[in-house]
Amino acid sequence: YHFILKIFKTFSLAALILLSLSYCTALPTNDDTQTSPSNQLLEKAQLAEALNQYTQASKLYLHLANSQASVNREHYLSLATSASLKTDDSELANLLINSLLDQNYHQTPTTQLLLSSILLKQGKTDQAESTLDSINEKNLNHAQRLELHTQRSSTFFQSGNLIESVRERIILDTLIIQPSARLENQHRLVETLSLISNRALDILLPNTSYY
C-alpha cells in the first residue's frame, strides 16, 4: 500500500463512493397545488416512466415543460431528455440536449447536474465537463456536492485524465458519511491508481528535501 499512500500524501485528503442522485422524483408542491392539472400530468409522466413507457413519459414531460415557468420548464425538459434517451428517438434526444445546453447558465443546479449526467452517458465528456464547471458549488446541498464530484471524477476518467479523476475521488472522501459508500469509493480510487504509473505519481509528490 506504499503506492497508494504516495498519492494520498500528494493531495492531503482521503477517498468516497459513487453516489447517484435520483432526479426523476416530483418537484416539491404545497397543499394548494397537489391537485392541479400540472401535478396530475406529472403523476402520469412518472407512472409512464415507471412502466418503461419512455416515449409517453418524454411527451408528458415536454408538455409540462411548455406549461411551466422558466425554472420548472428546464427541470421538466431535463426529465424529458432523460426519458427520450431510453427510446430509439435519438434525434429528439439530441434536440432536447442542445436546447438545454443553450440555456445552461440559466438553469438550477439540479437541472445542470442532470444535464451533465446525460452528456456523460452519451460520452460527451467535453460538454459534461463544461456543464459541471458552470455549477457554483457554494449553491449546492451536501447530496448535490457528492453528485458533482462523482460526476467530475467519472468525466475525467472517461477522458483519460486519471490524475484529476483521483483528485475528485479524494475530495469525495472528505464529504462522504456512509461507511459502505466510502469504502466503495476507495475501491474505485485504488482501481484508478493502479492505472497510473509510478513515475507519474513520483512527479506529483511534493519535494520534501531541504538544502
C-alpha atoms as a PDB file:
ATOM      1  CA  TYR A   1       0.000   0.000   0.000  1.00  0.00           C
ATOM      2  CA  HIS A   2       3.028   2.284  -0.158  1.00  0.00           C
ATOM      3  CA  PHE A   3       1.980   3.039  -3.731  1.00  0.00           C
ATOM      4  CA  ILE A   4      -1.444   4.232  -2.561  1.00  0.00           C
ATOM      5  CA  LEU A   5      -0.108   6.271   0.354  1.00  0.00           C
ATOM      6  CA  LYS A   6       2.030   8.290  -2.048  1.00  0.00           C
ATOM      7  CA  ILE A   7      -0.963   9.722  -3.814  1.00  0.00           C
ATOM      8  CA  PHE A   8      -2.765  10.452  -0.544  1.00  0.00           C
ATOM      9  CA  LYS A   9       0.279  12.429   0.566  1.00  0.00           C
ATOM     10  CA  THR A  10       0.226  14.342  -2.697  1.00  0.00           C
ATOM     11  CA  PHE A  11      -3.302  15.649  -2.283  1.00  0.00           C
ATOM     12  CA  SER A  12      -3.527  15.664   1.529  1.00  0.00           C
ATOM     13  CA  LEU A  13      -7.055  14.231   1.516  1.00  0.00           C
ATOM     14  CA  ALA A  14      -8.696  10.713   1.548  1.00  0.00           C
ATOM     15  CA  ALA A  15     -11.416   8.954  -0.679  1.00  0.00           C
ATOM     16  CA  LEU A  16     -15.545   8.216  -1.238  1.00  0.00           C
ATOM     17  CA  ILE A  17     -18.364   6.205  -3.180  1.00  0.00           C
ATOM     18  CA  LEU A  18     -20.087   6.776  -6.395  1.00  0.00           C
ATOM     19  CA  LEU A  19     -23.399   8.119  -5.176  1.00  0.00           C
ATOM     20  CA  SER A  20     -26.111   8.902  -7.698  1.00  0.00           C
ATOM     21  CA  LEU A  21     -28.907  11.326  -7.158  1.00  0.00           C
ATOM     22  CA  SER A  22     -32.371  10.434  -8.335  1.00  0.00           C
ATOM     23  CA  TYR A  23     -33.623  13.280 -10.473  1.00  0.00           C
ATOM     24  CA  CYS A  24     -36.851  11.720 -11.621  1.00  0.00           C
ATOM     25  CA  THR A  25     -38.864  12.498  -8.493  1.00  0.00           C
ATOM     26  CA  ALA A  26     -41.622  15.067  -8.371  1.00  0.00           C
ATOM     27  CA  LEU A  27     -40.830  18.649  -7.578  1.00  0.00           C
ATOM     28  CA  PRO A  28     -41.996  19.738  -4.114  1.00  0.00           C
ATOM     29  CA  THR A  29     -45.524  21.011  -4.031  1.00  0.00           C
ATOM     30  CA  ASN A  30     -47.665  22.604  -1.376  1.00  0.00           C
ATOM     31  CA  ASP A  31     -51.199  21.679  -0.371  1.00  0.00           C
ATOM     32  CA  ASP A  32     -52.704  24.273  -2.693  1.00  0.00           C
ATOM     33  CA  THR A  33     -51.203  22.735  -5.827  1.00  0.00           C
ATOM     34  CA  GLN A  34     -51.384  19.000  -5.168  1.00  0.00           C
ATOM     35  CA  THR A  35     -54.498  18.546  -7.290  1.00  0.00           C
ATOM     36  CA  SER A  36     -53.569  20.998 -10.026  1.00  0.00           C
ATOM     37  CA  PRO A  37     -53.562  19.801 -13.657  1.00  0.00           C
ATOM     38  CA  SER A  38     -49.774  20.095 -13.822  1.00  0.00           C
ATOM     39  CA  ASN A  39     -49.342  17.768 -10.862  1.00  0.00           C
ATOM     40  CA  GLN A  40     -51.782  15.285 -12.347  1.00  0.00           C
ATOM     41  CA  LEU A  41     -49.760  15.389 -15.575  1.00  0.00           C
ATOM     42  CA  LEU A  42     -46.550  14.914 -13.618  1.00  0.00           C
ATOM     43  CA  GLU A  43     -48.001  11.830 -11.930  1.00  0.00           C
ATOM     44  CA  LYS A  44     -48.901  10.404 -15.338  1.00  0.00           C
ATOM     45  CA  ALA A  45     -45.400  11.097 -16.625  1.00  0.00           C
ATOM     46  CA  GLN A  46     -43.799   9.423 -13.638  1.00  0.00           C
ATOM     47  CA  LEU A  47     -46.120   6.439 -13.955  1.00  0.00           C
ATOM     48  CA  ALA A  48     -45.309   6.065 -17.647  1.00  0.00           C
ATOM     49  CA  GLU A  49     -41.606   6.170 -16.835  1.00  0.00           C
ATOM     50  CA  ALA A  50     -42.035   3.597 -14.057  1.00  0.00           C
ATOM     51  CA  LEU A  51     -43.735   1.318 -16.598  1.00  0.00           C
ATOM     52  CA  ASN A  52     -40.834   1.829 -19.039  1.00  0.00           C
ATOM     53  CA  GLN A  53     -43.100   3.760 -21.404  1.00  0.00           C
ATOM     54  CA  TYR A  54     -40.356   6.255 -22.099  1.00  0.00           C
ATOM     55  CA  THR A  55     -41.782   7.751 -25.281  1.00  0.00           C
ATOM     56  CA  GLN A  56     -45.020   8.600 -23.494  1.00  0.00           C
ATOM     57  CA  ALA A  57     -43.127   9.873 -20.456  1.00  0.00           C
ATOM     58  CA  SER A  58     -40.973  12.108 -22.633  1.00  0.00           C
ATOM     59  CA  LYS A  59     -44.051  13.615 -24.320  1.00  0.00           C
ATOM     60  CA  LEU A  60     -45.717  14.275 -20.964  1.00  0.00           C
ATOM     61  CA  TYR A  61     -42.601  15.912 -19.538  1.00  0.00           C
ATOM     62  CA  LEU A  62     -42.359  18.066 -22.659  1.00  0.00           C
ATOM     63  CA  HIS A  63     -45.973  19.105 -22.190  1.00  0.00           C
ATOM     64  CA  LEU A  64     -45.157  20.069 -18.620  1.00  0.00           C
ATOM     65  CA  ALA A  65     -42.080  21.965 -19.770  1.00  0.00           C
ATOM     66  CA  ASN A  66     -44.165  24.026 -22.177  1.00  0.00           C
ATOM     67  CA  SER A  67     -46.658  24.947 -19.487  1.00  0.00           C
ATOM     68  CA  GLN A  68     -44.336  25.890 -16.635  1.00  0.00           C
ATOM     69  CA  ALA A  69     -42.335  28.937 -15.569  1.00  0.00           C
ATOM     70  CA  SER A  70     -38.706  29.040 -16.675  1.00  0.00           C
ATOM     71  CA  VAL A  71     -37.094  27.186 -13.753  1.00  0.00           C
ATOM     72  CA  ASN A  72     -39.613  24.331 -13.781  1.00  0.00           C
ATOM     73  CA  ARG A  73     -39.560  24.304 -17.566  1.00  0.00           C
ATOM     74  CA  GLU A  74     -35.874  23.464 -17.595  1.00  0.00           C
ATOM     75  CA  HIS A  75     -36.338  20.753 -14.999  1.00  0.00           C
ATOM     76  CA  TYR A  76     -39.109  19.047 -16.966  1.00  0.00           C
ATOM     77  CA  LEU A  77     -37.136  19.481 -20.162  1.00  0.00           C
ATOM     78  CA  SER A  78     -34.277  17.623 -18.486  1.00  0.00           C
ATOM     79  CA  LEU A  79     -36.598  14.812 -17.464  1.00  0.00           C
ATOM     80  CA  ALA A  80     -37.971  14.649 -20.997  1.00  0.00           C
ATOM     81  CA  THR A  81     -34.417  14.410 -22.324  1.00  0.00           C
ATOM     82  CA  SER A  82     -33.528  11.656 -19.882  1.00  0.00           C
ATOM     83  CA  ALA A  83     -36.615   9.667 -20.877  1.00  0.00           C
ATOM     84  CA  SER A  84     -36.042  10.195 -24.597  1.00  0.00           C
ATOM     85  CA  LEU A  85     -32.537   8.739 -24.299  1.00  0.00           C
ATOM     86  CA  LYS A  86     -34.138   5.431 -23.346  1.00  0.00           C
ATOM     87  CA  THR A  87     -36.088   5.300 -26.613  1.00  0.00           C
ATOM     88  CA  ASP A  88     -34.986   4.931 -30.222  1.00  0.00           C
ATOM     89  CA  ASP A  89     -35.630   8.619 -30.887  1.00  0.00           C
ATOM     90  CA  SER A  90     -32.039   9.837 -30.750  1.00  0.00           C
ATOM     91  CA  GLU A  91     -32.901  12.846 -32.900  1.00  0.00           C
ATOM     92  CA  LEU A  92     -35.357  14.147 -30.293  1.00  0.00           C
ATOM     93  CA  ALA A  93     -32.871  13.459 -27.507  1.00  0.00           C
ATOM     94  CA  ASN A  94     -30.153  15.452 -29.254  1.00  0.00           C
ATOM     95  CA  LEU A  95     -32.533  18.336 -29.941  1.00  0.00           C
ATOM     96  CA  LEU A  96     -33.506  18.453 -26.270  1.00  0.00           C
ATOM     97  CA  ILE A  97     -29.891  18.272 -25.139  1.00  0.00           C
ATOM     98  CA  ASN A  98     -28.935  21.156 -27.411  1.00  0.00           C
ATOM     99  CA  SER A  99     -31.874  23.141 -26.085  1.00  0.00           C
ATOM    100  CA  LEU A 100     -30.679  22.581 -22.533  1.00  0.00           C
ATOM    101  CA  LEU A 101     -27.105  23.462 -23.405  1.00  0.00           C
ATOM    102  CA  ASP A 102     -28.280  26.757 -24.887  1.00  0.00           C
ATOM    103  CA  GLN A 103     -29.891  27.608 -21.540  1.00  0.00           C
ATOM    104  CA  ASN A 104     -27.111  26.230 -19.353  1.00  0.00           C
ATOM    105  CA  TYR A 105     -26.343  29.425 -17.467  1.00  0.00           C
ATOM    106  CA  HIS A 106     -29.999  29.941 -16.539  1.00  0.00           C
ATOM    107  CA  GLN A 107     -30.501  26.502 -15.037  1.00  0.00           C
ATOM    108  CA  THR A 108     -30.791  25.372 -11.462  1.00  0.00           C
ATOM    109  CA  PRO A 109     -28.017  23.147 -10.044  1.00  0.00           C
ATOM    110  CA  THR A 110     -30.401  20.158 -10.124  1.00  0.00           C
ATOM    111  CA  THR A 111     -31.001  20.649 -13.840  1.00  0.00           C
ATOM    112  CA  GLN A 112     -27.309  21.197 -14.548  1.00  0.00           C
ATOM    113  CA  LEU A 113     -26.357  18.003 -12.733  1.00  0.00           C
ATOM    114  CA  LEU A 114     -28.976  16.039 -14.621  1.00  0.00           C
ATOM    115  CA  LEU A 115     -27.830  17.505 -17.932  1.00  0.00           C
ATOM    116  CA  SER A 116     -24.193  16.673 -17.223  1.00  0.00           C
ATOM    117  CA  SER A 117     -25.130  13.097 -16.302  1.00  0.00           C
ATOM    118  CA  ILE A 118     -26.991  12.778 -19.614  1.00  0.00           C
ATOM    119  CA  LEU A 119     -23.997  14.116 -21.537  1.00  0.00           C
ATOM    120  CA  LEU A 120     -21.689  11.771 -19.645  1.00  0.00           C
ATOM    121  CA  LYS A 121     -23.823   8.761 -20.561  1.00  0.00           C
ATOM    122  CA  GLN A 122     -23.545   9.809 -24.204  1.00  0.00           C
ATOM    123  CA  GLY A 123     -19.771  10.036 -23.912  1.00  0.00           C
ATOM    124  CA  LYS A 124     -19.789  13.801 -24.488  1.00  0.00           C
ATOM    125  CA  THR A 125     -17.133  14.428 -21.842  1.00  0.00           C
ATOM    126  CA  ASP A 126     -16.136  17.912 -23.001  1.00  0.00           C
ATOM    127  CA  GLN A 127     -19.704  19.176 -22.779  1.00  0.00           C
ATOM    128  CA  ALA A 128     -20.269  17.353 -19.497  1.00  0.00           C
ATOM    129  CA  GLU A 129     -17.147  18.920 -18.022  1.00  0.00           C
ATOM    130  CA  SER A 130     -18.168  22.380 -19.236  1.00  0.00           C
ATOM    131  CA  THR A 131     -21.603  21.966 -17.663  1.00  0.00           C
ATOM    132  CA  LEU A 132     -20.102  20.827 -14.360  1.00  0.00           C
ATOM    133  CA  ASP A 133     -17.634  23.724 -14.393  1.00  0.00           C
ATOM    134  CA  SER A 134     -20.529  26.176 -14.685  1.00  0.00           C
ATOM    135  CA  ILE A 135     -22.034  24.976 -11.393  1.00  0.00           C
ATOM    136  CA  ASN A 136     -21.353  27.109  -8.331  1.00  0.00           C
ATOM    137  CA  GLU A 137     -20.612  24.612  -5.580  1.00  0.00           C
ATOM    138  CA  LYS A 138     -21.499  27.169  -2.925  1.00  0.00           C
ATOM    139  CA  ASN A 139     -25.146  26.850  -4.014  1.00  0.00           C
ATOM    140  CA  LEU A 140     -25.243  23.061  -3.613  1.00  0.00           C
ATOM    141  CA  ASN A 141     -26.514  20.971  -0.736  1.00  0.00           C
ATOM    142  CA  HIS A 142     -24.485  18.030   0.541  1.00  0.00           C
ATOM    143  CA  ALA A 143     -26.036  15.421  -1.756  1.00  0.00           C
ATOM    144  CA  GLN A 144     -25.522  17.676  -4.779  1.00  0.00           C
ATOM    145  CA  ARG A 145     -21.867  18.218  -3.842  1.00  0.00           C
ATOM    146  CA  LEU A 146     -21.405  14.450  -3.745  1.00  0.00           C
ATOM    147  CA  GLU A 147     -23.007  14.150  -7.170  1.00  0.00           C
ATOM    148  CA  LEU A 148     -20.907  16.999  -8.572  1.00  0.00           C
ATOM    149  CA  HIS A 149     -17.578  15.451  -7.581  1.00  0.00           C
ATOM    150  CA  THR A 150     -18.697  11.945  -8.502  1.00  0.00           C
ATOM    151  CA  GLN A 151     -19.581  13.124 -11.994  1.00  0.00           C
ATOM    152  CA  ARG A 152     -16.355  15.110 -12.277  1.00  0.00           C
ATOM    153  CA  SER A 153     -14.360  12.005 -11.363  1.00  0.00           C
ATOM    154  CA  SER A 154     -16.238   9.945 -13.957  1.00  0.00           C
ATOM    155  CA  THR A 155     -15.827  12.648 -16.593  1.00  0.00           C
ATOM    156  CA  PHE A 156     -12.078  12.900 -16.061  1.00  0.00           C
ATOM    157  CA  PHE A 157     -11.786   9.108 -16.081  1.00  0.00           C
ATOM    158  CA  GLN A 158     -13.653   8.805 -19.390  1.00  0.00           C
ATOM    159  CA  SER A 159     -11.467  11.487 -20.942  1.00  0.00           C
ATOM    160  CA  GLY A 160      -8.301   9.716 -19.761  1.00  0.00           C
ATOM    161  CA  ASN A 161      -7.315  12.305 -17.159  1.00  0.00           C
ATOM    162  CA  LEU A 162      -6.698   9.801 -14.367  1.00  0.00           C
ATOM    163  CA  ILE A 163      -4.873  12.205 -12.038  1.00  0.00           C
ATOM    164  CA  GLU A 164      -7.828  14.599 -11.942  1.00  0.00           C
ATOM    165  CA  SER A 165     -10.203  11.664 -11.536  1.00  0.00           C
ATOM    166  CA  VAL A 166      -8.222  10.625  -8.456  1.00  0.00           C
ATOM    167  CA  ARG A 167      -8.303  14.169  -7.114  1.00  0.00           C
ATOM    168  CA  GLU A 168     -12.103  14.155  -7.275  1.00  0.00           C
ATOM    169  CA  ARG A 169     -12.391  10.809  -5.503  1.00  0.00           C
ATOM    170  CA  ILE A 170     -10.069  12.038  -2.768  1.00  0.00           C
ATOM    171  CA  ILE A 171     -12.280  15.105  -2.329  1.00  0.00           C
ATOM    172  CA  LEU A 172     -15.286  12.817  -2.156  1.00  0.00           C
ATOM    173  CA  ASP A 173     -13.740  11.020   0.803  1.00  0.00           C
ATOM    174  CA  THR A 174     -13.950  14.222   2.815  1.00  0.00           C
ATOM    175  CA  LEU A 175     -17.659  14.549   2.002  1.00  0.00           C
ATOM    176  CA  ILE A 176     -18.983  11.020   2.340  1.00  0.00           C
ATOM    177  CA  ILE A 177     -20.674   9.875   5.515  1.00  0.00           C
ATOM    178  CA  GLN A 178     -21.923   6.344   4.869  1.00  0.00           C
ATOM    179  CA  PRO A 179     -19.114   3.798   5.600  1.00  0.00           C
ATOM    180  CA  SER A 180     -20.082   1.384   2.823  1.00  0.00           C
ATOM    181  CA  ALA A 181     -20.235   4.208   0.298  1.00  0.00           C
ATOM    182  CA  ARG A 182     -16.870   5.490   1.401  1.00  0.00           C
ATOM    183  CA  LEU A 183     -15.362   2.025   1.078  1.00  0.00           C
ATOM    184  CA  GLU A 184     -16.786   1.642  -2.431  1.00  0.00           C
ATOM    185  CA  ASN A 185     -15.277   4.965  -3.440  1.00  0.00           C
ATOM    186  CA  GLN A 186     -11.924   3.907  -2.039  1.00  0.00           C
ATOM    187  CA  HIS A 187     -12.076   0.754  -4.141  1.00  0.00           C
ATOM    188  CA  ARG A 188     -12.695   2.889  -7.217  1.00  0.00           C
ATOM    189  CA  LEU A 189      -9.821   5.128  -6.185  1.00  0.00           C
ATOM    190  CA  VAL A 190      -7.450   2.178  -5.868  1.00  0.00           C
ATOM    191  CA  GLU A 191      -8.552   0.873  -9.265  1.00  0.00           C
ATOM    192  CA  THR A 192      -7.786   4.247 -10.827  1.00  0.00           C
ATOM    193  CA  LEU A 193      -4.440   4.483  -9.039  1.00  0.00           C
ATOM    194  CA  SER A 194      -3.460   1.093 -10.424  1.00  0.00           C
ATOM    195  CA  LEU A 195      -3.703   2.579 -13.921  1.00  0.00           C
ATOM    196  CA  ILE A 196      -1.267   5.396 -13.127  1.00  0.00           C
ATOM    197  CA  SER A 197       2.457   4.787 -13.483  1.00  0.00           C
ATOM    198  CA  ASN A 198       4.845   5.105 -10.535  1.00  0.00           C
ATOM    199  CA  ARG A 199       6.737   7.750 -12.457  1.00  0.00           C
ATOM    200  CA  ALA A 200       3.612   9.876 -12.820  1.00  0.00           C
ATOM    201  CA  LEU A 201       2.918   9.579  -9.103  1.00  0.00           C
ATOM    202  CA  ASP A 202       6.511  10.472  -8.239  1.00  0.00           C
ATOM    203  CA  ILE A 203       6.232  13.658 -10.279  1.00  0.00           C
ATOM    204  CA  LEU A 204       3.191  14.635  -8.237  1.00  0.00           C
ATOM    205  CA  LEU A 205       4.855  14.086  -4.877  1.00  0.00           C
ATOM    206  CA  PRO A 206       5.869  17.315  -3.114  1.00  0.00           C
ATOM    207  CA  ASN A 207       9.557  17.965  -2.793  1.00  0.00           C
ATOM    208  CA  THR A 208      10.379  17.432   0.887  1.00  0.00           C
ATOM    209  CA  SER A 209      14.146  17.796   0.542  1.00  0.00           C
ATOM    210  CA  TYR A 210      15.765  20.742   2.236  1.00  0.00           C
ATOM    211  CA  TYR A 211      19.208  22.046   1.440  1.00  0.00           C
END
